[in-house]
Amino acid sequence: MSVPHPGGDPNANLYAQLKRDVLGRVPQITTVEYVPDDIEAKQLRASFDPDRLDPPTAPESPELTIKWYRQDPHDWFRINYTDPNTGFHAGWHQDEDHADLGRTHFQYSSGDEEDRWGIAFNQQTPSLILWEIVEDLLEEVRPNYQYANEEA
């Protein structure tokens, strides 16, 4: 069960910045939208072109959802990647769900396999943290966890 965020509303200006400065610049991402819409903007949802991913996946578009609350002393966020074609899920969470792992953790599930562990980011600002997550997803997570058990 998930621990709810500590309160407040997502920062719509932050979402606009993340959309413009990060998600809009990732060539594998084809669309970015505010959920439920650009007026309420509770989260962002980015869709990947399945053919632009390495390795490709198809036919449905994998998604990255971002829910971020600015607050002191630490922001609360959940960034989740889901590939509906394979059932793979990966999440980067800074919340209170797994206090034993520290403030921030990574988790994934693929078939019968799942794991989670504490992580730390090299960056401090939301845009740079999101860049770090997207790079990690494309360069490490998908190849090493989504496709780790497939025959070459």
N, C-alpha and C. Protein backbone atom coordinates (compact mmCIF):
# COMPACT_ATOMS: atom_id res chain seq x y z
N MET A 1 0.84 -1.18 0.00
CA MET A 1 0.00 0.00 0.00
C MET A 1 0.88 1.24 0.00
N SER A 2 0.44 2.22 -0.71
CA SER A 2 1.20 3.43 -0.90
C SER A 2 0.91 4.45 0.19
N VAL A 3 1.93 5.13 0.62
CA VAL A 3 1.77 6.22 1.58
C VAL A 3 1.45 7.47 0.78
N PRO A 4 0.40 8.20 1.10
CA PRO A 4 0.05 9.39 0.33
C PRO A 4 1.09 10.49 0.51
N HIS A 5 1.13 11.38 -0.47
CA HIS A 5 2.05 12.51 -0.35
C HIS A 5 1.63 13.37 0.83
N PRO A 6 2.56 14.13 1.38
CA PRO A 6 2.30 14.88 2.60
C PRO A 6 1.35 16.07 2.46
N GLY A 7 0.88 16.39 1.30
CA GLY A 7 -0.08 17.48 1.17
C GLY A 7 0.33 18.48 0.13
N GLY A 8 -0.56 19.41 -0.13
CA GLY A 8 -0.29 20.42 -1.13
C GLY A 8 -0.65 19.94 -2.51
N ASP A 9 -0.56 20.84 -3.46
CA ASP A 9 -0.88 20.52 -4.84
C ASP A 9 0.40 20.44 -5.64
N PRO A 10 0.36 19.68 -6.74
CA PRO A 10 1.53 19.69 -7.62
C PRO A 10 1.77 21.10 -8.13
N ASN A 11 2.98 21.39 -8.44
CA ASN A 11 3.34 22.70 -8.91
C ASN A 11 3.20 22.73 -10.44
N ALA A 12 2.14 23.39 -10.96
CA ALA A 12 1.88 23.43 -12.40
C ALA A 12 3.05 24.06 -13.15
N ASN A 13 3.69 25.06 -12.55
CA ASN A 13 4.85 25.67 -13.20
C ASN A 13 6.00 24.68 -13.31
N LEU A 14 6.18 23.85 -12.30
CA LEU A 14 7.21 22.83 -12.35
C LEU A 14 6.91 21.84 -13.47
N TYR A 15 5.66 21.42 -13.61
CA TYR A 15 5.31 20.50 -14.69
C TYR A 15 5.59 21.11 -16.06
N ALA A 16 5.28 22.38 -16.23
CA ALA A 16 5.58 23.04 -17.50
C ALA A 16 7.08 23.04 -17.77
N GLN A 17 7.86 23.28 -16.72
CA GLN A 17 9.32 23.26 -16.87
C GLN A 17 9.83 21.87 -17.21
N LEU A 18 9.34 20.84 -16.51
CA LEU A 18 9.77 19.47 -16.79
C LEU A 18 9.39 19.05 -18.21
N LYS A 19 8.20 19.46 -18.65
CA LYS A 19 7.75 19.14 -20.01
C LYS A 19 8.66 19.81 -21.03
N ARG A 20 8.92 21.10 -20.85
CA ARG A 20 9.71 21.89 -21.80
C ARG A 20 11.19 21.51 -21.78
N ASP A 21 11.77 21.44 -20.58
CA ASP A 21 13.22 21.30 -20.47
C ASP A 21 13.73 19.87 -20.52
N VAL A 22 12.86 18.91 -20.24
CA VAL A 22 13.32 17.53 -20.21
C VAL A 22 12.54 16.67 -21.20
N LEU A 23 11.29 16.41 -20.90
CA LEU A 23 10.52 15.45 -21.69
C LEU A 23 10.37 15.84 -23.15
N GLY A 24 10.25 17.13 -23.43
CA GLY A 24 10.14 17.60 -24.80
C GLY A 24 11.42 17.47 -25.60
N ARG A 25 12.52 17.14 -24.94
CA ARG A 25 13.82 17.04 -25.61
C ARG A 25 14.31 15.59 -25.76
N VAL A 26 13.51 14.65 -25.28
CA VAL A 26 13.91 13.23 -25.38
C VAL A 26 13.37 12.69 -26.70
N PRO A 27 14.25 12.29 -27.63
CA PRO A 27 13.78 11.88 -28.96
C PRO A 27 12.87 10.65 -28.97
N GLN A 28 12.95 9.81 -27.96
CA GLN A 28 12.11 8.62 -27.90
C GLN A 28 10.68 8.94 -27.44
N ILE A 29 10.47 10.13 -26.88
CA ILE A 29 9.15 10.52 -26.38
C ILE A 29 8.41 11.27 -27.48
N THR A 30 7.17 10.83 -27.76
CA THR A 30 6.40 11.44 -28.84
C THR A 30 5.36 12.43 -28.34
N THR A 31 4.78 12.19 -27.17
CA THR A 31 3.79 13.11 -26.63
C THR A 31 3.98 13.27 -25.13
N VAL A 32 3.66 14.46 -24.65
CA VAL A 32 3.66 14.75 -23.21
C VAL A 32 2.37 15.49 -22.93
N GLU A 33 1.62 15.01 -21.93
CA GLU A 33 0.36 15.66 -21.61
C GLU A 33 0.19 15.80 -20.11
N TYR A 34 -0.60 16.82 -19.75
CA TYR A 34 -0.95 17.04 -18.36
C TYR A 34 -2.16 16.14 -18.04
N VAL A 35 -2.15 15.54 -16.87
CA VAL A 35 -3.25 14.67 -16.46
C VAL A 35 -3.88 15.28 -15.22
N PRO A 36 -5.19 15.47 -15.14
CA PRO A 36 -6.17 15.09 -16.14
C PRO A 36 -6.23 16.04 -17.33
N ASP A 37 -5.77 17.28 -17.16
CA ASP A 37 -5.72 18.24 -18.26
C ASP A 37 -4.76 19.36 -17.86
N ASP A 38 -4.54 20.30 -18.77
CA ASP A 38 -3.56 21.35 -18.49
C ASP A 38 -4.04 22.38 -17.47
N ILE A 39 -5.31 22.35 -17.10
CA ILE A 39 -5.81 23.27 -16.06
C ILE A 39 -5.58 22.68 -14.67
N GLU A 40 -5.94 21.42 -14.48
CA GLU A 40 -5.76 20.79 -13.16
C GLU A 40 -4.34 20.27 -12.97
N ALA A 41 -3.74 19.69 -13.97
CA ALA A 41 -2.34 19.25 -13.98
C ALA A 41 -1.90 18.57 -12.69
N LYS A 42 -2.47 17.40 -12.42
CA LYS A 42 -2.08 16.63 -11.23
C LYS A 42 -0.80 15.82 -11.47
N GLN A 43 -0.52 15.52 -12.74
CA GLN A 43 0.70 14.80 -13.10
C GLN A 43 0.98 14.99 -14.58
N LEU A 44 2.15 14.52 -15.01
CA LEU A 44 2.52 14.51 -16.42
C LEU A 44 2.55 13.07 -16.90
N ARG A 45 2.21 12.86 -18.18
CA ARG A 45 2.31 11.53 -18.78
C ARG A 45 3.01 11.70 -20.12
N ALA A 46 4.12 10.99 -20.28
CA ALA A 46 4.89 11.00 -21.52
C ALA A 46 4.77 9.63 -22.18
N SER A 47 4.53 9.64 -23.48
CA SER A 47 4.42 8.38 -24.24
C SER A 47 5.65 8.22 -25.11
N PHE A 48 6.20 7.01 -25.10
CA PHE A 48 7.36 6.69 -25.92
C PHE A 48 6.92 6.07 -27.24
N ASP A 49 7.65 6.36 -28.30
CA ASP A 49 7.46 5.67 -29.56
C ASP A 49 8.10 4.30 -29.40
N PRO A 50 7.32 3.21 -29.49
CA PRO A 50 7.88 1.87 -29.25
C PRO A 50 9.04 1.53 -30.18
N ASP A 51 9.04 2.09 -31.39
CA ASP A 51 10.10 1.78 -32.36
C ASP A 51 11.37 2.58 -32.13
N ARG A 52 11.30 3.65 -31.36
CA ARG A 52 12.49 4.46 -31.09
C ARG A 52 13.27 3.96 -29.87
N LEU A 53 12.69 3.02 -29.14
CA LEU A 53 13.37 2.48 -27.96
C LEU A 53 14.35 1.40 -28.40
N ASP A 54 15.39 1.21 -27.62
CA ASP A 54 16.40 0.20 -27.91
C ASP A 54 16.52 -0.73 -26.71
N PRO A 55 16.06 -1.98 -26.83
CA PRO A 55 15.42 -2.58 -28.00
C PRO A 55 13.99 -2.09 -28.15
N PRO A 56 13.46 -2.15 -29.40
CA PRO A 56 12.09 -1.71 -29.64
C PRO A 56 11.09 -2.59 -28.89
N THR A 57 9.92 -2.05 -28.66
CA THR A 57 8.83 -2.79 -28.06
C THR A 57 7.58 -2.42 -28.86
N ALA A 58 6.59 -3.27 -28.89
CA ALA A 58 5.40 -2.95 -29.71
C ALA A 58 4.26 -3.86 -29.31
N PRO A 59 3.06 -3.50 -29.65
CA PRO A 59 2.62 -2.39 -30.49
C PRO A 59 2.27 -1.14 -29.68
N GLU A 60 1.98 -1.29 -28.38
CA GLU A 60 1.54 -0.15 -27.58
C GLU A 60 2.72 0.71 -27.11
N SER A 61 2.42 1.98 -26.83
CA SER A 61 3.45 2.92 -26.38
C SER A 61 3.68 2.81 -24.88
N PRO A 62 4.92 2.58 -24.45
CA PRO A 62 5.23 2.65 -23.02
C PRO A 62 5.03 4.08 -22.53
N GLU A 63 4.77 4.22 -21.23
CA GLU A 63 4.51 5.54 -20.65
C GLU A 63 5.38 5.80 -19.43
N LEU A 64 5.68 7.07 -19.24
CA LEU A 64 6.37 7.56 -18.06
C LEU A 64 5.42 8.55 -17.41
N THR A 65 5.05 8.31 -16.15
CA THR A 65 4.19 9.24 -15.43
C THR A 65 5.00 9.91 -14.33
N ILE A 66 4.76 11.21 -14.17
CA ILE A 66 5.49 12.01 -13.20
C ILE A 66 4.48 12.70 -12.30
N LYS A 67 4.63 12.47 -11.01
CA LYS A 67 3.82 13.17 -10.01
C LYS A 67 4.83 13.77 -9.03
N TRP A 68 4.83 15.11 -8.90
CA TRP A 68 5.89 15.78 -8.14
C TRP A 68 5.27 16.88 -7.29
N TYR A 69 5.58 16.88 -6.01
CA TYR A 69 5.14 17.91 -5.08
C TYR A 69 6.35 18.60 -4.51
N ARG A 70 6.41 19.93 -4.68
CA ARG A 70 7.50 20.73 -4.11
C ARG A 70 7.18 20.97 -2.65
N GLN A 71 8.15 20.73 -1.76
CA GLN A 71 7.95 20.98 -0.34
C GLN A 71 9.29 20.96 0.38
N ASP A 72 9.33 21.51 1.57
CA ASP A 72 10.53 21.51 2.42
C ASP A 72 10.41 20.42 3.46
N PRO A 73 11.46 19.76 3.83
CA PRO A 73 12.82 19.95 3.35
C PRO A 73 13.11 19.18 2.06
N HIS A 74 12.27 18.21 1.68
CA HIS A 74 12.52 17.42 0.48
C HIS A 74 11.25 17.28 -0.33
N ASP A 75 11.40 17.37 -1.64
CA ASP A 75 10.25 17.15 -2.52
C ASP A 75 9.76 15.71 -2.39
N TRP A 76 8.50 15.53 -2.73
CA TRP A 76 7.88 14.20 -2.80
C TRP A 76 7.61 13.95 -4.26
N PHE A 77 8.07 12.81 -4.80
CA PHE A 77 7.76 12.51 -6.19
C PHE A 77 7.68 11.01 -6.43
N ARG A 78 6.98 10.69 -7.51
CA ARG A 78 6.89 9.32 -8.03
C ARG A 78 6.99 9.41 -9.54
N ILE A 79 7.97 8.75 -10.07
CA ILE A 79 8.16 8.70 -11.51
C ILE A 79 8.13 7.22 -11.89
N ASN A 80 7.15 6.84 -12.71
CA ASN A 80 6.92 5.44 -13.03
C ASN A 80 6.91 5.21 -14.53
N TYR A 81 7.62 4.18 -14.95
CA TYR A 81 7.66 3.74 -16.34
C TYR A 81 6.91 2.42 -16.43
N THR A 82 6.03 2.31 -17.43
CA THR A 82 5.29 1.08 -17.65
C THR A 82 5.30 0.74 -19.13
N ASP A 83 5.64 -0.51 -19.43
CA ASP A 83 5.56 -1.00 -20.81
C ASP A 83 4.41 -1.99 -20.87
N PRO A 84 3.27 -1.62 -21.47
CA PRO A 84 2.11 -2.51 -21.52
C PRO A 84 2.33 -3.74 -22.39
N ASN A 85 3.35 -3.72 -23.23
CA ASN A 85 3.63 -4.85 -24.11
C ASN A 85 4.29 -6.01 -23.37
N THR A 86 5.04 -5.68 -22.32
CA THR A 86 5.78 -6.71 -21.59
C THR A 86 5.37 -6.83 -20.13
N GLY A 87 4.59 -5.86 -19.64
CA GLY A 87 4.22 -5.86 -18.23
C GLY A 87 5.32 -5.33 -17.32
N PHE A 88 6.40 -4.81 -17.90
CA PHE A 88 7.52 -4.29 -17.11
C PHE A 88 7.13 -2.96 -16.46
N HIS A 89 7.54 -2.79 -15.22
CA HIS A 89 7.31 -1.55 -14.48
C HIS A 89 8.59 -1.17 -13.75
N ALA A 90 8.92 0.12 -13.78
CA ALA A 90 10.04 0.64 -13.01
C ALA A 90 9.60 1.96 -12.38
N GLY A 91 10.05 2.20 -11.14
CA GLY A 91 9.66 3.42 -10.45
C GLY A 91 10.79 4.02 -9.65
N TRP A 92 10.88 5.33 -9.69
CA TRP A 92 11.81 6.11 -8.88
C TRP A 92 10.93 6.93 -7.95
N HIS A 93 11.03 6.67 -6.65
CA HIS A 93 10.12 7.29 -5.69
C HIS A 93 10.90 7.99 -4.58
N GLN A 94 10.48 9.19 -4.28
CA GLN A 94 10.98 9.88 -3.10
C GLN A 94 9.74 10.13 -2.25
N ASP A 95 9.53 9.22 -1.29
CA ASP A 95 8.32 9.25 -0.46
C ASP A 95 8.62 8.52 0.84
N GLU A 96 7.59 8.18 1.55
CA GLU A 96 7.75 7.52 2.85
C GLU A 96 7.42 6.03 2.80
N ASP A 97 7.28 5.48 1.59
CA ASP A 97 6.85 4.09 1.45
C ASP A 97 7.81 3.07 2.06
N HIS A 98 9.08 3.26 1.87
CA HIS A 98 10.07 2.27 2.32
C HIS A 98 11.16 2.96 3.13
N ALA A 99 10.83 3.33 4.34
CA ALA A 99 11.77 4.07 5.19
C ALA A 99 13.08 3.32 5.38
N ASP A 100 13.02 1.99 5.33
CA ASP A 100 14.23 1.19 5.50
C ASP A 100 15.22 1.38 4.34
N LEU A 101 14.75 1.92 3.21
CA LEU A 101 15.62 2.13 2.04
C LEU A 101 16.13 3.56 1.94
N GLY A 102 15.72 4.40 2.86
CA GLY A 102 16.10 5.80 2.80
C GLY A 102 15.01 6.63 2.15
N ARG A 103 15.30 7.89 1.95
CA ARG A 103 14.31 8.83 1.43
C ARG A 103 13.89 8.48 -0.01
N THR A 104 14.83 7.99 -0.82
CA THR A 104 14.56 7.75 -2.24
C THR A 104 14.90 6.31 -2.59
N HIS A 105 14.04 5.68 -3.40
CA HIS A 105 14.32 4.31 -3.81
C HIS A 105 13.91 4.08 -5.26
N PHE A 106 14.49 3.03 -5.82
CA PHE A 106 14.14 2.55 -7.16
C PHE A 106 13.50 1.18 -6.97
N GLN A 107 12.51 0.89 -7.79
CA GLN A 107 11.90 -0.44 -7.75
C GLN A 107 11.51 -0.85 -9.16
N TYR A 108 11.46 -2.17 -9.38
CA TYR A 108 11.01 -2.66 -10.67
C TYR A 108 10.32 -4.00 -10.49
N SER A 109 9.50 -4.33 -11.48
CA SER A 109 8.90 -5.66 -11.55
C SER A 109 8.85 -6.07 -13.01
N SER A 110 9.20 -7.34 -13.22
CA SER A 110 9.21 -7.90 -14.56
C SER A 110 8.88 -9.38 -14.44
N GLY A 111 7.70 -9.76 -14.90
CA GLY A 111 7.28 -11.15 -14.75
C GLY A 111 7.20 -11.51 -13.28
N ASP A 112 7.91 -12.57 -12.90
CA ASP A 112 7.92 -13.02 -11.51
C ASP A 112 8.99 -12.34 -10.68
N GLU A 113 9.79 -11.50 -11.30
CA GLU A 113 10.92 -10.89 -10.60
C GLU A 113 10.58 -9.45 -10.20
N GLU A 114 10.96 -9.10 -8.98
CA GLU A 114 10.83 -7.71 -8.53
C GLU A 114 11.88 -7.45 -7.47
N ASP A 115 12.24 -6.17 -7.37
CA ASP A 115 13.23 -5.78 -6.37
C ASP A 115 13.13 -4.28 -6.15
N ARG A 116 13.73 -3.81 -5.08
CA ARG A 116 13.80 -2.37 -4.79
C ARG A 116 15.03 -2.13 -3.94
N TRP A 117 15.58 -0.92 -4.05
CA TRP A 117 16.73 -0.54 -3.24
C TRP A 117 16.81 0.98 -3.17
N GLY A 118 17.51 1.45 -2.15
CA GLY A 118 17.70 2.88 -1.97
C GLY A 118 18.63 3.45 -3.03
N ILE A 119 18.38 4.69 -3.42
CA ILE A 119 19.22 5.37 -4.41
C ILE A 119 19.47 6.80 -3.97
N ALA A 120 20.43 7.43 -4.61
CA ALA A 120 20.70 8.86 -4.43
C ALA A 120 20.95 9.45 -5.80
N PHE A 121 20.57 10.69 -5.99
CA PHE A 121 20.77 11.36 -7.26
C PHE A 121 22.01 12.24 -7.20
N ASN A 122 22.65 12.39 -8.35
CA ASN A 122 23.81 13.26 -8.46
C ASN A 122 23.39 14.73 -8.51
N GLN A 123 22.14 14.97 -8.85
CA GLN A 123 21.63 16.33 -9.05
C GLN A 123 20.68 16.72 -7.92
N GLN A 124 20.38 18.02 -7.86
CA GLN A 124 19.49 18.55 -6.82
C GLN A 124 18.19 19.11 -7.37
N THR A 125 18.21 19.66 -8.57
CA THR A 125 17.01 20.32 -9.11
C THR A 125 16.11 19.32 -9.82
N PRO A 126 14.80 19.56 -9.81
CA PRO A 126 13.86 18.62 -10.43
C PRO A 126 14.18 18.29 -11.89
N SER A 127 14.49 19.28 -12.71
CA SER A 127 14.79 19.01 -14.13
C SER A 127 15.99 18.09 -14.28
N LEU A 128 17.03 18.35 -13.52
CA LEU A 128 18.23 17.52 -13.63
C LEU A 128 18.02 16.13 -13.04
N ILE A 129 17.21 16.03 -12.00
CA ILE A 129 16.86 14.71 -11.46
C ILE A 129 16.09 13.91 -12.51
N LEU A 130 15.12 14.56 -13.17
CA LEU A 130 14.35 13.87 -14.20
C LEU A 130 15.23 13.46 -15.37
N TRP A 131 16.18 14.30 -15.78
CA TRP A 131 17.14 13.92 -16.82
C TRP A 131 17.90 12.66 -16.40
N GLU A 132 18.35 12.66 -15.17
CA GLU A 132 19.10 11.51 -14.65
C GLU A 132 18.25 10.24 -14.70
N ILE A 133 16.97 10.35 -14.34
CA ILE A 133 16.06 9.20 -14.35
C ILE A 133 15.83 8.72 -15.78
N VAL A 134 15.57 9.62 -16.71
CA VAL A 134 15.32 9.21 -18.10
C VAL A 134 16.57 8.54 -18.68
N GLU A 135 17.74 9.10 -18.43
CA GLU A 135 18.98 8.47 -18.90
C GLU A 135 19.15 7.09 -18.29
N ASP A 136 18.89 6.97 -17.00
CA ASP A 136 18.99 5.68 -16.31
C ASP A 136 18.01 4.68 -16.92
N LEU A 137 16.79 5.12 -17.17
CA LEU A 137 15.78 4.25 -17.78
C LEU A 137 16.25 3.72 -19.11
N LEU A 138 16.71 4.60 -19.99
CA LEU A 138 17.06 4.20 -21.35
C LEU A 138 18.38 3.45 -21.43
N GLU A 139 19.35 3.81 -20.60
CA GLU A 139 20.69 3.24 -20.71
C GLU A 139 20.93 2.04 -19.80
N GLU A 140 20.27 1.99 -18.66
CA GLU A 140 20.54 0.93 -17.69
C GLU A 140 19.32 0.06 -17.36
N VAL A 141 18.23 0.69 -17.01
CA VAL A 141 17.08 -0.05 -16.49
C VAL A 141 16.45 -0.96 -17.54
N ARG A 142 16.07 -0.40 -18.70
CA ARG A 142 15.45 -1.26 -19.72
C ARG A 142 16.37 -2.39 -20.14
N PRO A 143 17.63 -2.13 -20.51
CA PRO A 143 18.48 -3.24 -20.94
C PRO A 143 18.80 -4.25 -19.83
N ASN A 144 19.00 -3.78 -18.61
CA ASN A 144 19.46 -4.67 -17.55
C ASN A 144 18.35 -5.33 -16.74
N TYR A 145 17.16 -4.75 -16.71
CA TYR A 145 16.08 -5.32 -15.90
C TYR A 145 14.88 -5.76 -16.73
N GLN A 146 14.52 -4.98 -17.74
CA GLN A 146 13.38 -5.38 -18.57
C GLN A 146 13.73 -6.56 -19.46
N TYR A 147 14.94 -6.58 -20.00
CA TYR A 147 15.31 -7.61 -20.95
C TYR A 147 16.42 -8.52 -20.45
N ALA A 148 16.68 -8.52 -19.17
CA ALA A 148 17.79 -9.27 -18.60
C ALA A 148 17.66 -10.78 -18.80
N ASN A 149 16.46 -11.30 -18.78
CA ASN A 149 16.27 -12.75 -18.85
C ASN A 149 15.95 -13.27 -20.25
N GLU A 150 15.98 -12.40 -21.24
CA GLU A 150 15.69 -12.83 -22.60
C GLU A 150 16.91 -13.45 -23.25
N GLU A 151 16.66 -14.42 -24.10
CA GLU A 151 17.73 -15.05 -24.87
C GLU A 151 18.22 -14.08 -25.93
N ALA A 152 19.52 -14.04 -26.12
CA ALA A 152 20.08 -13.13 -27.14
C ALA A 152 20.05 -13.79 -28.51
